[in-house]
C-alpha atoms as a PDB file:
ATOM      1  CA  MET A   1    -123.060  47.471  74.917  1.00  0.00           C
ATOM      2  CA  ARG A   2    -124.403  51.004  74.677  1.00  0.00           C
ATOM      3  CA  ARG A   3    -125.192  52.424  71.249  1.00  0.00           C
ATOM      4  CA  LEU A   4    -124.396  56.078  70.768  1.00  0.00           C
ATOM      5  CA  ALA A   5    -126.620  58.410  68.794  1.00  0.00           C
ATOM      6  CA  LEU A   6    -124.430  59.828  66.023  1.00  0.00           C
ATOM      7  CA  PRO A   7    -125.223  60.813  62.461  1.00  0.00           C
ATOM      8  CA  ALA A   8    -123.031  57.942  61.309  1.00  0.00           C
ATOM      9  CA  LEU A   9    -124.834  55.486  63.607  1.00  0.00           C
ATOM     10  CA  LEU A  10    -121.474  54.396  64.978  1.00  0.00           C
ATOM     11  CA  LEU A  11    -121.004  51.635  67.492  1.00  0.00           C
ATOM     12  CA  LEU A  12    -117.727  52.540  69.115  1.00  0.00           C
ATOM     13  CA  GLY A  13    -115.192  50.551  71.043  1.00  0.00           C
ATOM     14  CA  ALA A  14    -116.756  47.160  70.304  1.00  0.00           C
ATOM     15  CA  ALA A  15    -114.530  44.112  70.701  1.00  0.00           C
ATOM     16  CA  THR A  16    -115.601  42.601  67.367  1.00  0.00           C
ATOM     17  CA  PRO A  17    -117.046  44.279  64.302  1.00  0.00           C
ATOM     18  CA  PRO A  18    -120.861  44.174  64.223  1.00  0.00           C
ATOM     19  CA  PRO A  19    -122.709  42.892  61.144  1.00  0.00           C
ATOM     20  CA  PRO A  20    -123.018  45.328  58.218  1.00  0.00           C
ATOM     21  CA  VAL A  21    -125.987  47.708  58.076  1.00  0.00           C
ATOM     22  CA  ALA A  22    -127.972  47.793  54.833  1.00  0.00           C
ATOM     23  CA  GLY A  23    -127.215  50.896  52.810  1.00  0.00           C
ATOM     24  CA  ARG A  24    -123.996  51.868  54.636  1.00  0.00           C
ATOM     25  CA  THR A  25    -120.475  51.009  53.638  1.00  0.00           C
ATOM     26  CA  PRO A  26    -117.113  51.060  55.429  1.00  0.00           C
ATOM     27  CA  GLY A  27    -116.085  53.707  52.861  1.00  0.00           C
ATOM     28  CA  GLN A  28    -118.833  56.043  54.076  1.00  0.00           C
ATOM     29  CA  ASP A  29    -117.985  55.333  57.691  1.00  0.00           C
ATOM     30  CA  VAL A  30    -114.239  55.961  57.337  1.00  0.00           C
ATOM     31  CA  LEU A  31    -115.081  59.384  55.894  1.00  0.00           C
ATOM     32  CA  GLN A  32    -117.408  60.208  58.792  1.00  0.00           C
ATOM     33  CA  VAL A  33    -114.834  59.109  61.378  1.00  0.00           C
ATOM     34  CA  TYR A  34    -112.182  61.192  59.584  1.00  0.00           C
ATOM     35  CA  GLN A  35    -114.500  64.181  59.413  1.00  0.00           C
ATOM     36  CA  GLU A  36    -115.339  64.064  63.130  1.00  0.00           C
ATOM     37  CA  PHE A  37    -111.868  63.432  64.495  1.00  0.00           C
ATOM     38  CA  CYS A  38    -109.405  64.882  61.963  1.00  0.00           C
ATOM     39  CA  LEU A  39    -111.393  67.753  60.465  1.00  0.00           C
ATOM     40  CA  THR A  40    -113.738  68.863  63.264  1.00  0.00           C
ATOM     41  CA  ARG A  41    -111.869  68.060  66.497  1.00  0.00           C
ATOM     42  CA  PHE A  42    -108.223  68.131  65.387  1.00  0.00           C
ATOM     43  CA  PRO A  43    -105.869  69.995  66.072  1.00  0.00           C
ATOM     44  CA  ARG A  44    -107.602  71.019  69.316  1.00  0.00           C
ATOM     45  CA  LEU A  45    -106.255  68.286  71.571  1.00  0.00           C
ATOM     46  CA  GLU A  46    -108.836  68.964  74.291  1.00  0.00           C
ATOM     47  CA  GLN A  47    -111.672  68.373  71.803  1.00  0.00           C
ATOM     48  CA  LEU A  48    -109.971  65.173  70.640  1.00  0.00           C
ATOM     49  CA  LYS A  49    -109.807  63.941  74.240  1.00  0.00           C
ATOM     50  CA  GLN A  50    -113.502  64.803  74.685  1.00  0.00           C
ATOM     51  CA  GLY A  51    -114.382  62.818  71.545  1.00  0.00           C
ATOM     52  CA  VAL A  52    -112.403  59.800  72.708  1.00  0.00           C
ATOM     53  CA  ALA A  53    -114.073  59.954  76.143  1.00  0.00           C
ATOM     54  CA  MET A  54    -117.567  60.609  74.759  1.00  0.00           C
ATOM     55  CA  HIS A  55    -117.369  57.595  72.419  1.00  0.00           C
ATOM     56  CA  LYS A  56    -115.575  55.468  75.033  1.00  0.00           C
ATOM     57  CA  LEU A  57    -112.868  54.485  72.563  1.00  0.00           C
ATOM     58  CA  ALA A  58    -110.382  51.818  73.584  1.00  0.00           C
ATOM     59  CA  LEU A  59    -106.665  52.218  73.021  1.00  0.00           C
ATOM     60  CA  ALA A  60    -105.553  50.429  69.873  1.00  0.00           C
ATOM     61  CA  SER A  61    -103.499  47.267  70.117  1.00  0.00           C
ATOM     62  CA  PRO A  62     -99.745  47.828  69.877  1.00  0.00           C
ATOM     63  CA  ALA A  63     -99.762  46.439  66.310  1.00  0.00           C
ATOM     64  CA  ALA A  64    -102.658  48.668  65.168  1.00  0.00           C
ATOM     65  CA  ALA A  65    -101.088  51.717  66.845  1.00  0.00           C
ATOM     66  CA  ALA A  66     -97.711  51.013  65.217  1.00  0.00           C
ATOM     67  CA  ASP A  67     -99.391  50.669  61.809  1.00  0.00           C
ATOM     68  CA  ALA A  68    -101.307  53.932  62.181  1.00  0.00           C
ATOM     69  CA  LEU A  69     -98.497  55.993  63.708  1.00  0.00           C
ATOM     70  CA  GLN A  70     -95.695  54.553  61.530  1.00  0.00           C
ATOM     71  CA  GLY A  71     -92.905  55.286  63.981  1.00  0.00           C
ATOM     72  CA  ARG A  72     -94.184  58.668  65.142  1.00  0.00           C
ATOM     73  CA  HIS A  73     -94.852  59.491  68.781  1.00  0.00           C
ATOM     74  CA  GLY A  74     -98.557  59.549  69.629  1.00  0.00           C
ATOM     75  CA  LYS A  75    -101.645  57.608  70.680  1.00  0.00           C
ATOM     76  CA  ALA A  76    -104.152  55.513  68.765  1.00  0.00           C
ATOM     77  CA  TRP A  77    -107.671  54.219  69.436  1.00  0.00           C
ATOM     78  CA  THR A  78    -109.947  51.732  67.698  1.00  0.00           C
ATOM     79  CA  ILE A  79    -113.427  52.346  66.401  1.00  0.00           C
ATOM     80  CA  ASN A  80    -115.914  49.835  64.974  1.00  0.00           C
ATOM     81  CA  THR A  81    -118.904  50.936  62.936  1.00  0.00           C
ATOM     82  CA  GLU A  82    -122.293  49.390  62.359  1.00  0.00           C
ATOM     83  CA  ALA A  83    -121.489  49.072  58.653  1.00  0.00           C
ATOM     84  CA  GLY A  84    -118.730  46.608  59.580  1.00  0.00           C
ATOM     85  CA  GLY A  85    -115.799  49.007  59.441  1.00  0.00           C
ATOM     86  CA  HIS A  86    -112.915  48.621  61.863  1.00  0.00           C
ATOM     87  CA  PHE A  87    -110.613  51.645  61.945  1.00  0.00           C
ATOM     88  CA  THR A  88    -107.756  53.067  63.951  1.00  0.00           C
ATOM     89  CA  ILE A  89    -107.641  56.770  64.825  1.00  0.00           C
ATOM     90  CA  GLY A  90    -104.119  58.028  65.508  1.00  0.00           C
ATOM     91  CA  ILE A  91    -102.896  61.378  66.814  1.00  0.00           C
ATOM     92  CA  TYR A  92     -99.171  61.935  66.459  1.00  0.00           C
ATOM     93  CA  THR A  93     -97.018  64.780  67.675  1.00  0.00           C
ATOM     94  CA  ALA A  94     -93.522  64.288  66.312  1.00  0.00           C
ATOM     95  CA  PRO A  95     -91.964  65.278  64.043  1.00  0.00           C
ATOM     96  CA  VAL A  96     -95.240  66.860  62.832  1.00  0.00           C
ATOM     97  CA  LEU A  97     -98.679  67.229  64.432  1.00  0.00           C
ATOM     98  CA  GLY A  98    -101.126  64.930  62.689  1.00  0.00           C
ATOM     99  CA  CYS A  99    -104.362  62.960  62.760  1.00  0.00           C
ATOM    100  CA  ILE A 100    -104.960  59.754  60.796  1.00  0.00           C
ATOM    101  CA  VAL A 101    -107.821  57.318  60.296  1.00  0.00           C
ATOM    102  CA  THR A 102    -106.803  54.002  58.800  1.00  0.00           C
ATOM    103  CA  GLY A 103    -108.387  50.625  58.125  1.00  0.00           C
ATOM    104  CA  ALA A 104    -109.786  48.339  55.469  1.00  0.00           C
ATOM    105  CA  ALA A 105    -112.133  50.222  53.139  1.00  0.00           C
ATOM    106  CA  PRO A 106    -112.608  50.482  49.397  1.00  0.00           C
ATOM    107  CA  ASP A 107    -110.431  52.924  47.506  1.00  0.00           C
ATOM    108  CA  ASP A 108    -113.087  54.196  45.129  1.00  0.00           C
ATOM    109  CA  ASP A 109    -114.237  57.342  43.371  1.00  0.00           C
ATOM    110  CA  ASP A 110    -116.869  58.099  46.039  1.00  0.00           C
ATOM    111  CA  VAL A 111    -114.336  58.052  48.889  1.00  0.00           C
ATOM    112  CA  ARG A 112    -111.986  60.336  46.918  1.00  0.00           C
ATOM    113  CA  LYS A 113    -114.809  62.667  45.835  1.00  0.00           C
ATOM    114  CA  PHE A 114    -116.218  63.143  49.338  1.00  0.00           C
ATOM    115  CA  PHE A 115    -112.725  63.432  50.850  1.00  0.00           C
ATOM    116  CA  ASN A 116    -112.078  66.356  48.481  1.00  0.00           C
ATOM    117  CA  ILE A 117    -115.466  67.932  49.289  1.00  0.00           C
ATOM    118  CA  ASP A 118    -114.774  67.652  53.042  1.00  0.00           C
ATOM    119  CA  VAL A 119    -111.323  69.235  52.667  1.00  0.00           C
ATOM    120  CA  GLN A 120    -112.684  72.036  50.474  1.00  0.00           C
ATOM    121  CA  GLY A 121    -115.471  72.721  52.989  1.00  0.00           C
ATOM    122  CA  LEU A 122    -113.016  72.905  55.889  1.00  0.00           C
ATOM    123  CA  ALA A 123    -110.660  75.160  53.911  1.00  0.00           C
ATOM    124  CA  ALA A 124    -113.467  77.558  53.010  1.00  0.00           C
ATOM    125  CA  ALA A 125    -114.910  77.665  56.550  1.00  0.00           C
ATOM    126  CA  ALA A 126    -111.479  78.197  58.157  1.00  0.00           C
ATOM    127  CA  GLY A 127    -110.326  80.790  55.612  1.00  0.00           C
ATOM    128  CA  TYR A 128    -107.300  78.761  54.506  1.00  0.00           C
ATOM    129  CA  GLY A 129    -107.366  80.292  51.057  1.00  0.00           C
ATOM    130  CA  LYS A 130    -106.581  78.413  47.882  1.00  0.00           C
ATOM    131  CA  MET A 131    -105.868  74.713  48.157  1.00  0.00           C
ATOM    132  CA  ASP A 132    -103.763  72.681  45.740  1.00  0.00           C
ATOM    133  CA  PHE A 133    -105.650  69.563  44.537  1.00  0.00           C
ATOM    134  CA  PRO A 134    -103.162  67.595  42.419  1.00  0.00           C
ATOM    135  CA  PRO A 135    -104.251  64.474  40.551  1.00  0.00           C
ATOM    136  CA  LEU A 136    -103.959  61.031  42.090  1.00  0.00           C
ATOM    137  CA  LYS A 137    -100.601  59.294  41.856  1.00  0.00           C
ATOM    138  CA  GLN A 138     -99.879  55.592  41.636  1.00  0.00           C
ATOM    139  CA  ILE A 139     -96.600  54.724  43.336  1.00  0.00           C
ATOM    140  CA  ASP A 140     -94.836  51.571  44.461  1.00  0.00           C
ATOM    141  CA  ALA A 141     -93.876  51.488  48.136  1.00  0.00           C
ATOM    142  CA  GLY A 142     -92.213  48.410  49.544  1.00  0.00           C
ATOM    143  CA  GLY A 143     -93.676  46.146  46.879  1.00  0.00           C
ATOM    144  CA  HIS A 144     -97.211  47.458  47.356  1.00  0.00           C
ATOM    145  CA  LYS A 145     -99.198  49.616  44.964  1.00  0.00           C
ATOM    146  CA  VAL A 146    -100.228  52.879  46.601  1.00  0.00           C
ATOM    147  CA  THR A 147    -102.834  55.349  45.352  1.00  0.00           C
ATOM    148  CA  LEU A 148    -101.996  58.755  46.768  1.00  0.00           C
ATOM    149  CA  GLN A 149    -103.483  62.240  46.757  1.00  0.00           C
ATOM    150  CA  PHE A 150    -101.640  64.954  48.676  1.00  0.00           C
ATOM    151  CA  ILE A 151    -103.709  68.139  49.109  1.00  0.00           C
ATOM    152  CA  GLY A 152    -101.880  71.143  50.493  1.00  0.00           C
ATOM    153  CA  THR A 153    -102.483  74.743  51.418  1.00  0.00           C
ATOM    154  CA  LEU A 154    -100.870  77.345  49.192  1.00  0.00           C
ATOM    155  CA  GLY A 155     -99.074  80.457  50.352  1.00  0.00           C
ATOM    156  CA  ASP A 156     -97.862  81.200  53.858  1.00  0.00           C
ATOM    157  CA  LYS A 157    -101.078  80.417  55.773  1.00  0.00           C
ATOM    158  CA  GLN A 158    -101.167  77.393  58.045  1.00  0.00           C
ATOM    159  CA  ARG A 159     -98.834  74.877  56.429  1.00  0.00           C
ATOM    160  CA  GLN A 160    -100.837  71.696  56.415  1.00  0.00           C
ATOM    161  CA  ALA A 161    -101.598  68.754  54.202  1.00  0.00           C
ATOM    162  CA  PHE A 162    -104.516  66.390  53.744  1.00  0.00           C
ATOM    163  CA  VAL A 163    -103.548  62.962  52.444  1.00  0.00           C
ATOM    164  CA  ASN A 164    -105.779  60.279  50.959  1.00  0.00           C
ATOM    165  CA  ALA A 165    -103.802  57.087  50.452  1.00  0.00           C
ATOM    166  CA  ALA A 166    -104.742  53.487  49.822  1.00  0.00           C
ATOM    167  CA  VAL A 167    -102.248  50.637  50.014  1.00  0.00           C
ATOM    168  CA  VAL A 168    -103.260  47.602  47.994  1.00  0.00           C
ATOM    169  CA  GLY A 169    -101.954  44.358  49.462  1.00  0.00           C
ATOM    170  CA  GLU A 170    -101.979  40.904  47.962  1.00  0.00           C
ATOM    171  CA  ASP A 171    -104.985  39.781  49.969  1.00  0.00           C
ATOM    172  CA  GLY A 172    -108.028  41.597  51.273  1.00  0.00           C
ATOM    173  CA  PRO A 173    -109.346  45.092  50.637  1.00  0.00           C
ATOM    174  CA  PRO A 174    -107.129  48.157  50.363  1.00  0.00           C
ATOM    175  CA  GLN A 175    -105.815  49.707  53.562  1.00  0.00           C
ATOM    176  CA  ILE A 176    -107.106  53.278  53.420  1.00  0.00           C
ATOM    177  CA  ARG A 177    -105.188  56.046  55.179  1.00  0.00           C
ATOM    178  CA  LEU A 178    -106.850  59.479  55.505  1.00  0.00           C
ATOM    179  CA  SER A 179    -104.727  62.031  57.335  1.00  0.00           C
ATOM    180  CA  ARG A 180    -104.299  65.696  58.146  1.00  0.00           C
ATOM    181  CA  GLU A 181    -101.029  67.083  59.375  1.00  0.00           C
ATOM    182  CA  PHE A 182     -99.326  70.372  60.107  1.00  0.00           C
ATOM    183  CA  ALA A 183     -95.731  71.017  59.070  1.00  0.00           C
ATOM    184  CA  ASP A 184     -95.148  72.614  62.466  1.00  0.00           C
ATOM    185  CA  ALA A 185     -97.276  72.365  65.594  1.00  0.00           C
ATOM    186  CA  ALA A 186     -97.128  76.194  65.837  1.00  0.00           C
ATOM    187  CA  ASP A 187     -99.163  76.330  62.579  1.00  0.00           C
ATOM    188  CA  ALA A 188    -102.075  74.464  64.202  1.00  0.00           C
ATOM    189  CA  LYS A 189    -104.746  76.798  65.560  1.00  0.00           C
END
């Protein structure tokens, strides 16, 4: 299997997760995957296709795609990282245009802190204006505890949201869900 030279030292499209790399965590890797695909490449669909081709990503299994897309029309791919992370990248187009990275990763202060820094950096670079950073919420969804942060743009600029959610199940690590979506595909530029 060919290793690709990326800042995150990602091994993409592997059939089974490789052993963890000292000093890296799945939490760091999920942020780097989110940054590349949802913040840098998305919503430019051609750049997303180039990223998928460049990293030779495999389509996600029907179950993983269904979990990532949650009933929305779109496509999903899998990505494995050298730190042992296994994530699904989903791009959905209806009813909203969105990008999501989901998989097992810790829901901790570092993930939330760097997620906020990444969103703030994108907002400043793209001239989105003021962003609304509400506090985290704890909600119950279908018998599962969910930690949720919903960051939105203020005013009448591009109507989009950045969501950091973690669903805590009864067994295993939290299922982290980092997404970016536009209220209307016409808002995406």
